[in-house]
Amino acid sequence: MSRPQEQSLAWRAGLPLLAVSFLSLAACNVGPDFQRPQATQLQAWPVPAQAAASQAAEGALQERWWEAFNDPQLSALSRRVLTDNLDLQLATSRLQQSRAARQVITAQRYPGTSANGGYGRKRNSSQGLNDPSGHQGKADFNLWEAGFSASWELDFWGRVRRETEAADANLEVAENDRRAVLLSVLAETAQDYIQLRGVQSTRAVTEQNLEVARHSLKLSQLRLADGVATDLDVAEAAAQVATIEARLPELQQRQAQLINALSLLLGEPPQALQKELASDAPVPQAPVRLAIGLPSQLAERRPDIRQAEARLHAATASIGVAKGDFYPRITLSGNFGSQALQLADFGSWNSRQYAIGPQFSLPLFDGGRLRGMLELREAQQQEAGVAYQQTVLRAWHEIDDQLTRYNASQLRRDSLAEAVRQNQIALRTAQQQYVEGVVDFVNVLTVQGALLATQEQWVESSAGVSLAMVGLYKALGGGWESVYPLQASAPAR
């Protein structure tokens, strides 16, 4: 047979395979198509019955919300935690693993090719295969081989495409897991920093009250020397001094713990931030107006909602993969190469060899394995759907709780500020009346104790307002967009 005739026969043999290839491109995907779920939605943010001074309002949510405190040190710590936090580095590593896993899965969409070659010195059995050397297994011969092979599963039913879809969704799960870690780390940094400044402010108030108590002790001692006061007055004044002093070690311990907590968030050893944070600074205050975005934007912003949606998407696509296993798998494979006994003949037209043709496999009996797998995937999709609804509902509850907390903490702070002002007036009055001999010293001690208690509560409530603001922004899911934007979720095709 001539060379043109052989080429014509090879072309005709490949025509059916070419037709199958075109059909596979037009084939539809098995299994359900993913539809974005409908979840509970609020039309507007809730409005408190008694509104405080600072209120949340609709408007563009500030992505770098920690900068709203106007605290340079907090902003600096937040920038450092983005690069140094170890939890965030672990989440980044998991994301890289998910991208690699996706690449492994999506490689099935493309043909697999390989090249091979070899040389061997051989001798065949005289009682087995024919000896190409013609010596009936009595002589050695050389065998030179080289070739190229390719195989490609024709995704006629869309099983591979569903696997790719599930891999993309699982990659989105990992991306939003990293975003959730980032959001949590930023919130924890702000919370620890605010608590640290709150502890320092409480210590400053305690030290101020300690000076007042020491002044009262000196006053009672002077009055005892003049015969006006009694030993009871001096003992009570000394006990008040010791009681206030006893508060300081606990506050110092709490300060050290919070500095260590911030050091851990930044991947630093204990006490690494001692010099940087040991100096007192005021508690960061929330702005007058908080822009918290629109309720309709919540599902696009909160990482846990986006993650739950991606899990539902992956579960839906996995149903298509399970259904695709019921259908035949058609693979187009072929190879072309050269084989010769003499190196001089290797590569010549007569040394060529090739094979091309489709292969298929169809499951006939598996004891119900495929049916069980399909039922498992369908049940997993149902679970993922319920989990999505639960995640959205929990998010709305968290936001409502944080809005209530933010408003209530402001009202409490303002009331305590008035209580502090009145107790300061009462203490000055009691001290003056004690000097004049109008009241007993116990009245001074009672008022001073009340002043210290309300001052500590006011500091704690002032920090509570800022902590409520952090909790609100965390519940809203803000803070990751500019650091890890949505464009990062688009995998390489």
Protein backbone atom coordinates (compact mmCIF):
# COMPACT_ATOMS: atom_id res chain seq x y z
CA MET A 1 0.00 0.00 0.00
CA SER A 2 1.32 3.42 -0.92
CA ARG A 3 2.02 6.14 1.57
CA PRO A 4 -0.89 8.42 0.42
CA GLN A 5 -3.33 5.53 0.73
CA GLU A 6 -2.17 4.82 4.28
CA GLN A 7 -2.56 8.46 5.23
CA SER A 8 -6.08 8.48 3.74
CA LEU A 9 -7.06 5.41 5.75
CA ALA A 10 -5.69 6.97 8.96
CA TRP A 11 -7.66 10.16 8.31
CA ARG A 12 -10.86 8.21 7.70
CA ALA A 13 -10.32 6.21 10.89
CA GLY A 14 -10.05 9.45 12.84
CA LEU A 15 -13.24 11.00 11.45
CA PRO A 16 -15.59 9.27 13.94
CA LEU A 17 -13.38 10.36 16.79
CA LEU A 18 -13.38 13.92 15.53
CA ALA A 19 -17.17 13.86 15.38
CA VAL A 20 -17.34 12.56 18.94
CA SER A 21 -15.04 15.41 20.00
CA PHE A 22 -17.35 18.02 18.53
CA LEU A 23 -20.35 16.36 20.15
CA SER A 24 -18.63 16.42 23.52
CA LEU A 25 -18.15 20.17 23.25
CA ALA A 26 -21.88 20.65 22.78
CA ALA A 27 -22.90 18.21 25.51
CA CYS A 28 -24.77 19.40 28.59
CA ASN A 29 -23.71 18.96 32.20
CA VAL A 30 -25.39 16.31 34.32
CA GLY A 31 -26.72 17.26 37.72
CA PRO A 32 -28.41 20.44 38.99
CA ASP A 33 -27.08 23.90 38.18
CA PHE A 34 -26.22 26.00 41.20
CA GLN A 35 -28.67 28.76 42.04
CA ARG A 36 -27.71 31.39 44.60
CA PRO A 37 -29.91 30.72 47.64
CA GLN A 38 -32.44 33.17 48.99
CA ALA A 39 -31.95 33.96 52.64
CA THR A 40 -33.50 36.11 55.35
CA GLN A 41 -33.04 39.77 54.46
CA LEU A 42 -33.61 42.99 56.39
CA GLN A 43 -34.78 46.11 54.59
CA ALA A 44 -33.21 48.54 57.05
CA TRP A 45 -31.04 48.55 60.16
CA PRO A 46 -32.98 48.50 63.46
CA VAL A 47 -33.47 51.82 65.25
CA PRO A 48 -33.16 51.86 69.08
CA ALA A 49 -36.01 53.24 71.17
CA GLN A 50 -33.63 55.54 73.06
CA ALA A 51 -30.87 56.67 70.74
CA ALA A 52 -27.42 57.51 72.06
CA ALA A 53 -25.11 60.23 70.71
CA SER A 54 -23.27 58.05 68.17
CA GLN A 55 -25.48 56.07 65.84
CA ALA A 56 -24.94 53.62 62.99
CA ALA A 57 -26.24 54.80 59.64
CA GLU A 58 -26.38 53.60 56.07
CA GLY A 59 -23.40 54.66 54.00
CA ALA A 60 -20.22 53.28 52.50
CA LEU A 61 -18.65 51.06 55.13
CA GLN A 62 -15.10 52.10 55.93
CA GLU A 63 -12.94 49.15 54.95
CA ARG A 64 -10.08 50.07 57.28
CA TRP A 65 -12.51 50.63 60.13
CA TRP A 66 -9.77 50.63 62.80
CA GLU A 67 -8.58 53.98 61.40
CA ALA A 68 -11.89 55.54 62.51
CA PHE A 69 -10.48 55.59 66.07
CA ASN A 70 -7.78 58.03 64.95
CA ASP A 71 -5.21 56.18 67.05
CA PRO A 72 -1.84 55.99 65.21
CA GLN A 73 -0.56 53.18 67.43
CA LEU A 74 -3.64 51.03 66.83
CA SER A 75 -3.34 51.64 63.08
CA ALA A 76 0.34 50.67 63.17
CA LEU A 77 -0.41 47.44 65.06
CA SER A 78 -3.17 46.60 62.57
CA ARG A 79 -0.77 47.03 59.66
CA ARG A 80 1.83 44.83 61.33
CA VAL A 81 -0.62 42.06 62.14
CA LEU A 82 -1.49 41.74 58.44
CA THR A 83 2.01 40.50 57.67
CA ASP A 84 3.25 39.00 60.94
CA ASN A 85 0.30 37.07 62.38
CA LEU A 86 0.92 33.32 62.36
CA ASP A 87 -2.76 32.32 62.16
CA LEU A 88 -3.02 34.39 59.02
CA GLN A 89 0.08 32.73 57.61
CA LEU A 90 -1.45 29.31 58.30
CA ALA A 91 -4.65 30.35 56.52
CA THR A 92 -2.55 31.57 53.58
CA SER A 93 -0.79 28.21 53.45
CA ARG A 94 -4.15 26.40 53.43
CA LEU A 95 -5.28 28.63 50.60
CA GLN A 96 -2.18 27.75 48.59
CA GLN A 97 -2.89 24.07 49.19
CA SER A 98 -6.45 24.53 47.93
CA ARG A 99 -5.18 26.23 44.78
CA ALA A 100 -2.78 23.36 44.16
CA ALA A 101 -5.58 20.82 44.74
CA ARG A 102 -7.78 22.68 42.28
CA GLN A 103 -5.01 22.55 39.68
CA VAL A 104 -4.74 18.78 40.13
CA ILE A 105 -8.48 18.33 39.61
CA THR A 106 -8.92 20.74 36.70
CA ALA A 107 -6.02 19.15 34.79
CA GLN A 108 -8.49 16.43 33.75
CA ARG A 109 -10.09 18.87 31.33
CA TYR A 110 -7.05 18.80 29.08
CA PRO A 111 -5.36 16.02 27.08
CA GLY A 112 -2.51 14.22 28.74
CA THR A 113 0.57 13.82 26.57
CA SER A 114 3.87 12.09 27.07
CA ALA A 115 7.00 11.22 25.13
CA ASN A 116 8.91 8.01 25.54
CA GLY A 117 11.94 6.33 24.14
CA GLY A 118 14.42 3.61 24.85
CA TYR A 119 17.04 1.18 23.70
CA GLY A 120 17.39 -2.44 24.67
CA ARG A 121 19.65 -5.37 23.92
CA LYS A 122 17.29 -8.38 23.82
CA ARG A 123 16.87 -12.03 23.00
CA ASN A 124 13.45 -13.66 22.63
CA SER A 125 12.48 -17.16 23.59
CA SER A 126 12.59 -19.70 20.79
CA GLN A 127 9.43 -21.22 22.22
CA GLY A 128 7.57 -17.92 22.76
CA LEU A 129 7.17 -14.75 20.71
CA ASN A 130 8.56 -14.52 17.20
CA ASP A 131 12.12 -13.35 17.07
CA PRO A 132 12.36 -10.31 14.79
CA SER A 133 16.03 -11.01 14.22
CA GLY A 134 15.17 -14.26 12.42
CA HIS A 135 17.42 -16.37 14.62
CA GLN A 136 14.60 -18.17 16.48
CA GLY A 137 15.78 -17.06 19.90
CA LYS A 138 19.42 -18.07 19.26
CA ALA A 139 20.89 -14.57 18.86
CA ASP A 140 20.71 -11.19 20.51
CA PHE A 141 19.30 -8.10 18.81
CA ASN A 142 19.01 -4.37 19.33
CA LEU A 143 15.65 -2.59 19.65
CA TRP A 144 15.38 1.19 19.29
CA GLU A 145 12.08 2.82 20.22
CA ALA A 146 10.73 6.37 20.55
CA GLY A 147 7.25 7.79 20.42
CA PHE A 148 4.60 10.23 21.49
CA SER A 149 1.28 9.33 23.13
CA ALA A 150 -1.79 11.31 24.13
CA SER A 151 -5.09 10.59 25.84
CA TRP A 152 -8.10 12.71 26.56
CA GLU A 153 -11.33 11.90 28.33
CA LEU A 154 -14.17 13.32 26.27
CA ASP A 155 -16.34 15.00 28.88
CA PHE A 156 -19.53 14.14 27.02
CA TRP A 157 -21.72 14.17 30.16
CA GLY A 158 -20.03 17.07 31.94
CA ARG A 159 -18.64 15.03 34.83
CA VAL A 160 -15.20 16.64 34.58
CA ARG A 161 -16.75 20.08 34.25
CA ARG A 162 -18.72 19.46 37.44
CA GLU A 163 -15.52 18.38 39.19
CA THR A 164 -13.91 21.63 38.05
CA GLU A 165 -16.91 23.60 39.29
CA ALA A 166 -16.71 21.91 42.69
CA ALA A 167 -12.95 22.58 42.83
CA ASP A 168 -13.54 26.27 42.11
CA ALA A 169 -16.15 26.42 44.88
CA ASN A 170 -13.83 24.68 47.35
CA LEU A 171 -11.13 27.18 46.46
CA GLU A 172 -13.57 29.96 47.30
CA VAL A 173 -14.21 28.26 50.65
CA ALA A 174 -10.48 28.46 51.41
CA GLU A 175 -10.30 32.09 50.27
CA ASN A 176 -13.12 33.10 52.57
CA ASP A 177 -11.61 31.08 55.39
CA ARG A 178 -8.53 33.28 55.06
CA ARG A 179 -10.72 36.37 54.99
CA ALA A 180 -12.50 35.22 58.16
CA VAL A 181 -9.15 34.69 59.90
CA LEU A 182 -8.02 38.13 58.76
CA LEU A 183 -11.21 39.72 60.06
CA SER A 184 -10.93 37.89 63.38
CA VAL A 185 -7.26 38.84 63.82
CA LEU A 186 -7.92 42.52 63.10
CA ALA A 187 -10.84 42.58 65.54
CA GLU A 188 -8.84 40.78 68.23
CA THR A 189 -5.97 43.23 67.82
CA ALA A 190 -8.29 46.21 68.26
CA GLN A 191 -10.07 44.58 71.22
CA ASP A 192 -6.84 43.77 73.07
CA TYR A 193 -5.48 47.25 72.41
CA ILE A 194 -8.66 48.96 73.64
CA GLN A 195 -8.75 46.76 76.75
CA LEU A 196 -5.09 47.59 77.39
CA ARG A 197 -5.79 51.32 77.26
CA GLY A 198 -8.82 50.75 79.47
CA VAL A 199 -6.71 48.96 82.08
CA GLN A 200 -4.16 51.77 81.99
CA SER A 201 -6.90 54.36 82.44
CA THR A 202 -8.32 52.37 85.35
CA ARG A 203 -4.88 52.22 86.93
CA ALA A 204 -4.49 55.99 86.53
CA VAL A 205 -7.88 56.55 88.23
CA THR A 206 -6.91 54.17 91.02
CA GLU A 207 -3.62 55.99 91.58
CA GLN A 208 -5.48 59.31 91.72
CA ASN A 209 -7.84 57.92 94.33
CA LEU A 210 -4.87 56.49 96.19
CA GLU A 211 -3.44 60.01 96.51
CA VAL A 212 -6.78 61.24 97.82
CA ALA A 213 -6.90 58.38 100.33
CA ARG A 214 -3.35 59.15 101.51
CA HIS A 215 -4.30 62.79 101.90
CA SER A 216 -7.28 61.73 104.01
CA LEU A 217 -4.98 59.54 106.11
CA LYS A 218 -2.63 62.47 106.78
CA LEU A 219 -5.57 64.66 107.61
CA SER A 220 -6.93 62.14 110.12
CA GLN A 221 -3.47 61.78 111.69
CA LEU A 222 -3.17 65.56 112.08
CA ARG A 223 -6.62 65.77 113.63
CA LEU A 224 -5.71 62.92 115.99
CA ALA A 225 -2.65 64.85 117.09
CA ASP A 226 -4.86 67.88 117.74
CA GLY A 227 -7.24 65.72 119.77
CA VAL A 228 -10.10 66.21 117.34
CA ALA A 229 -10.09 62.76 115.63
CA THR A 230 -9.94 59.28 117.10
CA ASP A 231 -7.79 56.21 116.51
CA LEU A 232 -10.77 54.70 114.69
CA ASP A 233 -10.63 57.48 112.08
CA VAL A 234 -6.92 56.85 111.49
CA ALA A 235 -7.39 53.08 111.26
CA GLU A 236 -10.25 53.44 108.79
CA ALA A 237 -8.22 55.87 106.65
CA ALA A 238 -5.23 53.52 106.66
CA ALA A 239 -7.46 50.59 105.68
CA GLN A 240 -8.82 52.64 102.77
CA VAL A 241 -5.28 53.32 101.55
CA ALA A 242 -4.35 49.62 101.75
CA THR A 243 -7.57 48.59 99.97
CA ILE A 244 -6.90 50.91 97.04
CA GLU A 245 -3.24 49.86 96.87
CA ALA A 246 -4.36 46.23 96.63
CA ARG A 247 -6.04 47.00 93.30
CA LEU A 248 -2.81 48.03 91.56
CA PRO A 249 -0.99 44.62 91.30
CA GLU A 250 -4.01 43.04 89.60
CA LEU A 251 -4.19 45.91 87.10
CA GLN A 252 -0.46 45.61 86.38
CA GLN A 253 -0.88 41.87 85.82
CA ARG A 254 -3.79 42.50 83.44
CA GLN A 255 -1.72 45.05 81.54
CA ALA A 256 1.13 42.56 81.11
CA GLN A 257 -1.28 39.88 79.88
CA LEU A 258 -2.79 42.18 77.25
CA ILE A 259 0.64 43.28 76.01
CA ASN A 260 1.59 39.61 75.70
CA ALA A 261 -1.66 38.92 73.83
CA LEU A 262 -0.79 41.64 71.32
CA SER A 263 2.76 40.28 71.06
CA LEU A 264 1.37 36.85 70.21
CA LEU A 265 -0.91 38.33 67.54
CA LEU A 266 2.16 39.90 65.95
CA GLY A 267 4.20 36.69 66.18
CA GLU A 268 6.52 38.19 68.78
CA PRO A 269 7.92 36.64 72.00
CA PRO A 270 6.53 37.63 75.43
CA GLN A 271 7.18 41.21 76.54
CA ALA A 272 8.37 42.17 73.04
CA LEU A 273 5.96 45.13 72.98
CA GLN A 274 6.53 46.16 76.60
CA LYS A 275 8.48 49.36 75.83
CA GLU A 276 6.14 50.24 72.99
CA LEU A 277 2.86 49.86 74.89
CA ALA A 278 3.68 50.26 78.58
CA SER A 279 3.24 54.05 78.48
CA ASP A 280 -0.27 55.19 79.27
CA ALA A 281 -2.54 56.41 76.47
CA PRO A 282 -6.25 57.24 76.37
CA VAL A 283 -8.89 54.74 75.33
CA PRO A 284 -9.62 55.09 71.56
CA GLN A 285 -13.01 56.70 71.12
CA ALA A 286 -15.66 55.86 68.53
CA PRO A 287 -16.68 58.53 66.00
CA VAL A 288 -19.98 60.36 66.20
CA ARG A 289 -21.38 58.63 63.12
CA LEU A 290 -20.74 55.05 61.99
CA ALA A 291 -21.29 54.23 58.34
CA ILE A 292 -22.13 50.51 58.25
CA GLY A 293 -23.30 50.03 54.66
CA LEU A 294 -26.60 48.63 53.44
CA PRO A 295 -28.30 45.48 54.75
CA SER A 296 -28.36 44.09 51.20
CA GLN A 297 -24.55 44.11 51.11
CA LEU A 298 -24.13 41.76 54.07
CA ALA A 299 -24.12 38.50 52.09
CA GLU A 300 -21.42 39.87 49.79
CA ARG A 301 -19.21 41.02 52.64
CA ARG A 302 -19.32 38.56 55.55
CA PRO A 303 -16.75 35.82 54.92
CA ASP A 304 -18.74 33.13 56.74
CA ILE A 305 -21.81 33.76 54.53
CA ARG A 306 -19.68 33.70 51.39
CA GLN A 307 -18.02 30.52 52.67
CA ALA A 308 -21.38 28.84 53.36
CA GLU A 309 -22.56 29.75 49.87
CA ALA A 310 -19.38 28.32 48.35
CA ARG A 311 -19.85 25.07 50.31
CA LEU A 312 -23.40 24.85 48.98
CA HIS A 313 -22.08 25.45 45.45
CA ALA A 314 -19.47 22.68 45.86
CA ALA A 315 -22.08 20.28 47.23
CA THR A 316 -24.40 21.02 44.28
CA ALA A 317 -21.63 20.43 41.75
CA SER A 318 -20.68 17.17 43.50
CA ILE A 319 -24.15 15.83 42.70
CA GLY A 320 -23.31 16.25 39.01
CA VAL A 321 -20.04 14.38 39.53
CA ALA A 322 -21.91 11.51 41.22
CA LYS A 323 -24.48 11.39 38.40
CA GLY A 324 -21.75 11.47 35.79
CA ASP A 325 -20.31 8.25 37.21
CA PHE A 326 -23.43 6.41 35.99
CA TYR A 327 -22.59 7.20 32.35
CA PRO A 328 -19.89 5.75 30.11
CA ARG A 329 -16.44 7.28 30.22
CA ILE A 330 -15.12 7.81 26.71
CA THR A 331 -11.40 8.33 26.25
CA LEU A 332 -9.64 9.20 23.02
CA SER A 333 -6.06 7.92 22.96
CA GLY A 334 -3.37 7.58 20.41
CA ASN A 335 0.35 7.16 19.96
CA PHE A 336 2.86 7.63 17.19
CA GLY A 337 6.48 6.58 17.16
CA SER A 338 9.32 4.70 15.58
CA GLN A 339 10.76 1.25 16.21
CA ALA A 340 13.81 -0.29 14.54
CA LEU A 341 16.40 -3.00 15.05
CA GLN A 342 19.16 -0.91 13.52
CA LEU A 343 20.00 2.61 14.52
CA ALA A 344 20.43 3.54 10.87
CA ASP A 345 16.79 2.60 10.20
CA PHE A 346 15.48 4.41 13.27
CA GLY A 347 13.34 7.37 12.25
CA SER A 348 12.75 6.22 8.69
CA TRP A 349 9.22 6.10 7.28
CA ASN A 350 9.13 2.31 7.33
CA SER A 351 9.97 2.24 11.08
CA ARG A 352 6.87 4.19 12.02
CA GLN A 353 4.13 2.78 14.23
CA TYR A 354 0.90 4.36 15.45
CA ALA A 355 -2.40 3.57 17.06
CA ILE A 356 -5.50 5.68 17.53
CA GLY A 357 -8.96 4.91 18.77
CA PRO A 358 -11.60 5.54 21.41
CA GLN A 359 -12.04 3.55 24.58
CA PHE A 360 -14.98 3.50 26.93
CA SER A 361 -15.98 1.99 30.23
CA LEU A 362 -19.51 1.57 31.57
CA PRO A 363 -20.37 0.46 35.13
CA LEU A 364 -22.67 -2.56 35.09
CA PHE A 365 -22.86 -3.77 38.68
CA ASP A 366 -21.28 -2.21 41.75
CA GLY A 367 -23.48 -3.38 44.60
CA GLY A 368 -25.21 0.01 44.91
CA ARG A 369 -22.02 2.03 45.43
CA LEU A 370 -22.85 4.66 42.81
CA ARG A 371 -26.44 4.98 44.03
CA GLY A 372 -25.23 5.38 47.60
CA MET A 373 -22.71 8.03 46.55
CA LEU A 374 -25.42 10.00 44.75
CA GLU A 375 -27.72 9.87 47.78
CA LEU A 376 -24.80 10.98 49.98
CA ARG A 377 -24.09 14.00 47.75
CA GLU A 378 -27.75 14.97 47.69
CA ALA A 379 -27.96 14.78 51.48
CA GLN A 380 -24.78 16.85 51.76
CA GLN A 381 -26.32 19.49 49.51
CA GLN A 382 -29.40 19.64 51.74
CA GLU A 383 -27.18 20.04 54.80
CA ALA A 384 -25.18 22.80 53.10
CA GLY A 385 -28.42 24.61 52.21
CA VAL A 386 -29.63 24.54 55.81
CA ALA A 387 -26.18 25.62 57.02
CA TYR A 388 -26.31 28.61 54.68
CA GLN A 389 -29.71 29.70 56.01
CA GLN A 390 -28.46 29.27 59.57
CA THR A 391 -25.30 31.29 58.88
CA VAL A 392 -27.25 34.21 57.44
CA LEU A 393 -29.77 34.18 60.28
CA ARG A 394 -26.99 34.06 62.87
CA ALA A 395 -25.31 37.01 61.17
CA TRP A 396 -28.45 39.15 61.47
CA HIS A 397 -28.77 38.24 65.14
CA GLU A 398 -25.12 39.15 65.78
CA ILE A 399 -25.53 42.52 64.07
CA ASP A 400 -28.72 43.30 65.97
CA ASP A 401 -27.04 42.35 69.25
CA GLN A 402 -24.00 44.51 68.47
CA LEU A 403 -26.13 47.51 67.48
CA THR A 404 -28.03 47.18 70.75
CA ARG A 405 -24.79 46.79 72.68
CA TYR A 406 -23.26 49.86 71.00
CA ASN A 407 -26.25 52.03 71.84
CA ALA A 408 -26.64 50.70 75.40
CA SER A 409 -22.93 51.06 76.22
CA GLN A 410 -23.07 54.75 75.26
CA LEU A 411 -26.11 55.38 77.43
CA ARG A 412 -24.42 53.62 80.35
CA ARG A 413 -21.21 55.62 79.84
CA ASP A 414 -23.07 58.92 79.84
CA SER A 415 -24.99 58.03 83.01
CA LEU A 416 -21.78 56.97 84.76
CA ALA A 417 -20.11 60.23 83.72
CA GLU A 418 -22.84 62.10 85.56
CA ALA A 419 -22.45 59.78 88.57
CA VAL A 420 -18.70 60.51 88.67
CA ARG A 421 -19.36 64.26 88.57
CA GLN A 422 -21.84 64.07 91.43
CA ASN A 423 -19.58 61.82 93.52
CA GLN A 424 -16.70 64.26 93.08
CA ILE A 425 -18.93 67.03 94.41
CA ALA A 426 -20.02 64.81 97.29
CA LEU A 427 -16.41 63.94 98.19
CA ARG A 428 -15.33 67.59 98.29
CA THR A 429 -18.35 68.41 100.43
CA ALA A 430 -17.78 65.49 102.83
CA GLN A 431 -14.10 66.39 103.25
CA GLN A 432 -14.99 70.00 104.01
CA GLN A 433 -17.68 69.00 106.50
CA TYR A 434 -15.28 66.54 108.18
CA VAL A 435 -12.72 69.30 108.63
CA GLU A 436 -15.44 71.47 110.11
CA GLY A 437 -16.51 68.64 112.41
CA VAL A 438 -19.99 68.38 110.96
CA VAL A 439 -19.77 64.71 109.80
CA ASP A 440 -17.83 61.64 110.88
CA PHE A 441 -14.86 60.34 108.90
CA VAL A 442 -16.88 57.31 107.86
CA ASN A 443 -18.90 59.57 105.57
CA VAL A 444 -15.71 60.64 103.78
CA LEU A 445 -14.65 57.01 103.30
CA THR A 446 -18.08 56.02 102.01
CA VAL A 447 -18.18 58.79 99.43
CA GLN A 448 -14.60 58.14 98.36
CA GLY A 449 -15.35 54.45 97.85
CA ALA A 450 -18.40 55.34 95.77
CA LEU A 451 -16.33 57.75 93.66
CA LEU A 452 -13.66 55.14 92.96
CA ALA A 453 -16.28 52.56 92.00
CA THR A 454 -18.11 54.89 89.60
CA GLN A 455 -14.84 56.12 88.05
CA GLU A 456 -13.73 52.55 87.36
CA GLN A 457 -17.14 51.73 85.90
CA TRP A 458 -16.99 54.85 83.72
CA VAL A 459 -13.58 53.88 82.33
CA GLU A 460 -14.82 50.35 81.71
CA SER A 461 -17.96 51.64 79.97
CA SER A 462 -15.91 54.06 77.86
CA ALA A 463 -13.78 51.17 76.66
CA GLY A 464 -16.99 49.15 76.24
CA VAL A 465 -18.29 51.64 73.69
CA SER A 466 -15.18 51.21 71.57
CA LEU A 467 -15.27 47.43 72.01
CA ALA A 468 -18.90 47.43 70.89
CA MET A 469 -17.88 49.33 67.76
CA VAL A 470 -15.22 46.71 67.01
CA GLY A 471 -17.78 43.95 67.56
CA LEU A 472 -20.20 45.70 65.22
CA TYR A 473 -17.68 45.97 62.39
CA LYS A 474 -16.69 42.35 62.93
CA ALA A 475 -20.35 41.31 62.74
CA LEU A 476 -20.69 43.32 59.53
CA GLY A 477 -17.74 41.45 58.04
CA GLY A 478 -15.76 44.55 57.11
CA GLY A 479 -12.02 45.02 56.99
CA TRP A 480 -10.68 42.48 54.51
CA GLU A 481 -11.72 44.02 51.16
CA SER A 482 -8.73 46.30 50.58
CA VAL A 483 -6.27 43.75 51.98
CA TYR A 484 -7.62 40.67 50.19
CA PRO A 485 -9.94 41.89 47.42
CA LEU A 486 -12.63 39.94 45.60
CA GLN A 487 -10.46 39.73 42.47
CA ALA A 488 -8.25 37.25 44.31
CA SER A 489 -11.06 34.70 44.19
CA ALA A 490 -10.84 34.37 40.40
CA PRO A 491 -8.66 31.28 39.80
CA ALA A 492 -6.37 30.95 36.85
CA ARG A 493 -8.10 29.14 34.03
